[in-house]
Amino acid sequence: MLIMKHYSVLLINCVMIDYVLRSFLSLSDWLNACVAIERVVSVTQGTQFNKAKSIRIAKVMILFIIILSFVSDLQDPFHRERMNDEEDKRI
């Protein structure tokens, strides 16, 4: 329990855990949307749907979405602050 007394450790844990969870949640939503869009395109194109081209585009889009998701939430950790609550004796 001694490690929980260090304020810097608590701040880093709070910032990083929240940042990673928020980024992965938005990443999940974006990837679900991309899958839905690809399904619509494949249904509308029917037999002309090019699976090899779709796989290449999907690889590029996944990389782009991962970068976009983590960069868009990057401002949040820089504006976090630690608060001390003396009444409840918690941080």
Protein backbone atom coordinates (compact mmCIF):
# COMPACT_ATOMS: atom_id res chain seq x y z
CA MET A 1 0.00 0.00 0.00
CA LEU A 2 3.01 2.28 0.27
CA ILE A 3 3.11 2.75 -3.50
CA MET A 4 -0.43 4.13 -3.37
CA LYS A 5 0.80 7.01 -1.21
CA HIS A 6 3.03 8.45 -3.91
CA TYR A 7 1.11 11.19 -5.66
CA SER A 8 3.12 11.00 -8.87
CA VAL A 9 2.36 7.29 -9.27
CA LEU A 10 -1.33 7.94 -8.73
CA LEU A 11 -1.34 10.76 -11.26
CA ILE A 12 0.45 8.71 -13.90
CA ASN A 13 -1.87 5.75 -13.37
CA CYS A 14 -4.95 7.92 -13.57
CA VAL A 15 -3.82 9.70 -16.69
CA MET A 16 -2.57 6.67 -18.58
CA ILE A 17 -5.39 4.29 -17.72
CA ASP A 18 -8.05 6.81 -18.65
CA TYR A 19 -6.24 7.76 -21.86
CA VAL A 20 -5.81 4.16 -22.99
CA LEU A 21 -9.40 3.20 -22.15
CA ARG A 22 -10.82 6.26 -23.90
CA SER A 23 -8.66 5.66 -26.98
CA PHE A 24 -9.59 2.00 -27.24
CA LEU A 25 -13.30 2.75 -26.86
CA SER A 26 -13.23 5.28 -29.68
CA LEU A 27 -11.07 2.92 -31.74
CA SER A 28 -13.68 0.20 -31.33
CA ASP A 29 -16.47 2.50 -32.50
CA TRP A 30 -14.49 3.62 -35.55
CA LEU A 31 -13.61 0.07 -36.56
CA ASN A 32 -17.24 -1.06 -36.20
CA ALA A 33 -18.29 1.82 -38.44
CA CYS A 34 -15.70 0.83 -41.06
CA VAL A 35 -16.92 -2.76 -41.06
CA ALA A 36 -20.49 -1.56 -41.56
CA ILE A 37 -19.43 0.69 -44.45
CA GLU A 38 -17.51 -2.15 -46.09
CA ARG A 39 -20.55 -4.42 -45.83
CA VAL A 40 -22.76 -1.81 -47.47
CA VAL A 41 -20.25 -1.31 -50.29
CA SER A 42 -19.91 -5.06 -50.88
CA VAL A 43 -23.67 -5.50 -51.04
CA THR A 44 -24.21 -2.57 -53.39
CA GLN A 45 -21.36 -3.59 -55.74
CA GLY A 46 -22.44 -7.22 -55.78
CA THR A 47 -20.30 -9.32 -58.14
CA GLN A 48 -18.02 -6.41 -59.07
CA PHE A 49 -16.71 -6.21 -55.49
CA ASN A 50 -12.91 -6.55 -55.53
CA LYS A 51 -11.88 -8.40 -52.36
CA ALA A 52 -8.13 -7.89 -52.84
CA LYS A 53 -8.56 -4.13 -53.22
CA SER A 54 -10.84 -4.09 -50.17
CA ILE A 55 -8.19 -5.84 -48.06
CA ARG A 56 -5.51 -3.31 -49.10
CA ILE A 57 -7.79 -0.38 -48.29
CA ALA A 58 -8.76 -1.97 -44.96
CA LYS A 59 -5.11 -2.29 -43.90
CA VAL A 60 -4.45 1.38 -44.63
CA MET A 61 -7.68 2.49 -42.95
CA ILE A 62 -6.94 0.46 -39.79
CA LEU A 63 -3.54 2.09 -39.43
CA PHE A 64 -5.04 5.54 -40.07
CA ILE A 65 -7.85 4.99 -37.56
CA ILE A 66 -5.47 3.76 -34.84
CA ILE A 67 -3.27 6.83 -35.25
CA LEU A 68 -6.27 9.17 -35.42
CA SER A 69 -7.85 7.64 -32.33
CA PHE A 70 -4.77 7.96 -30.15
CA VAL A 71 -3.86 11.43 -31.42
CA SER A 72 -7.36 12.85 -31.00
CA ASP A 73 -7.41 11.92 -27.31
CA LEU A 74 -3.84 13.05 -26.68
CA GLN A 75 -4.80 16.48 -25.30
CA ASP A 76 -6.64 15.00 -22.32
CA PRO A 77 -3.62 13.70 -20.31
CA PHE A 78 -1.93 17.10 -20.49
CA HIS A 79 -4.86 18.85 -18.82
CA ARG A 80 -5.38 16.41 -15.95
CA GLU A 81 -4.79 17.49 -12.36
CA ARG A 82 -4.60 15.69 -9.07
CA MET A 83 -7.10 16.76 -6.39
CA ASN A 84 -6.76 16.15 -2.68
CA ASP A 85 -9.92 15.64 -0.66
CA GLU A 86 -9.01 16.19 2.98
CA GLU A 87 -12.44 15.31 4.37
CA ASP A 88 -12.60 11.85 2.84
CA LYS A 89 -8.81 11.44 2.92
CA ARG A 90 -8.56 10.48 -0.74
CA ILE A 91 -6.86 11.76 -3.86
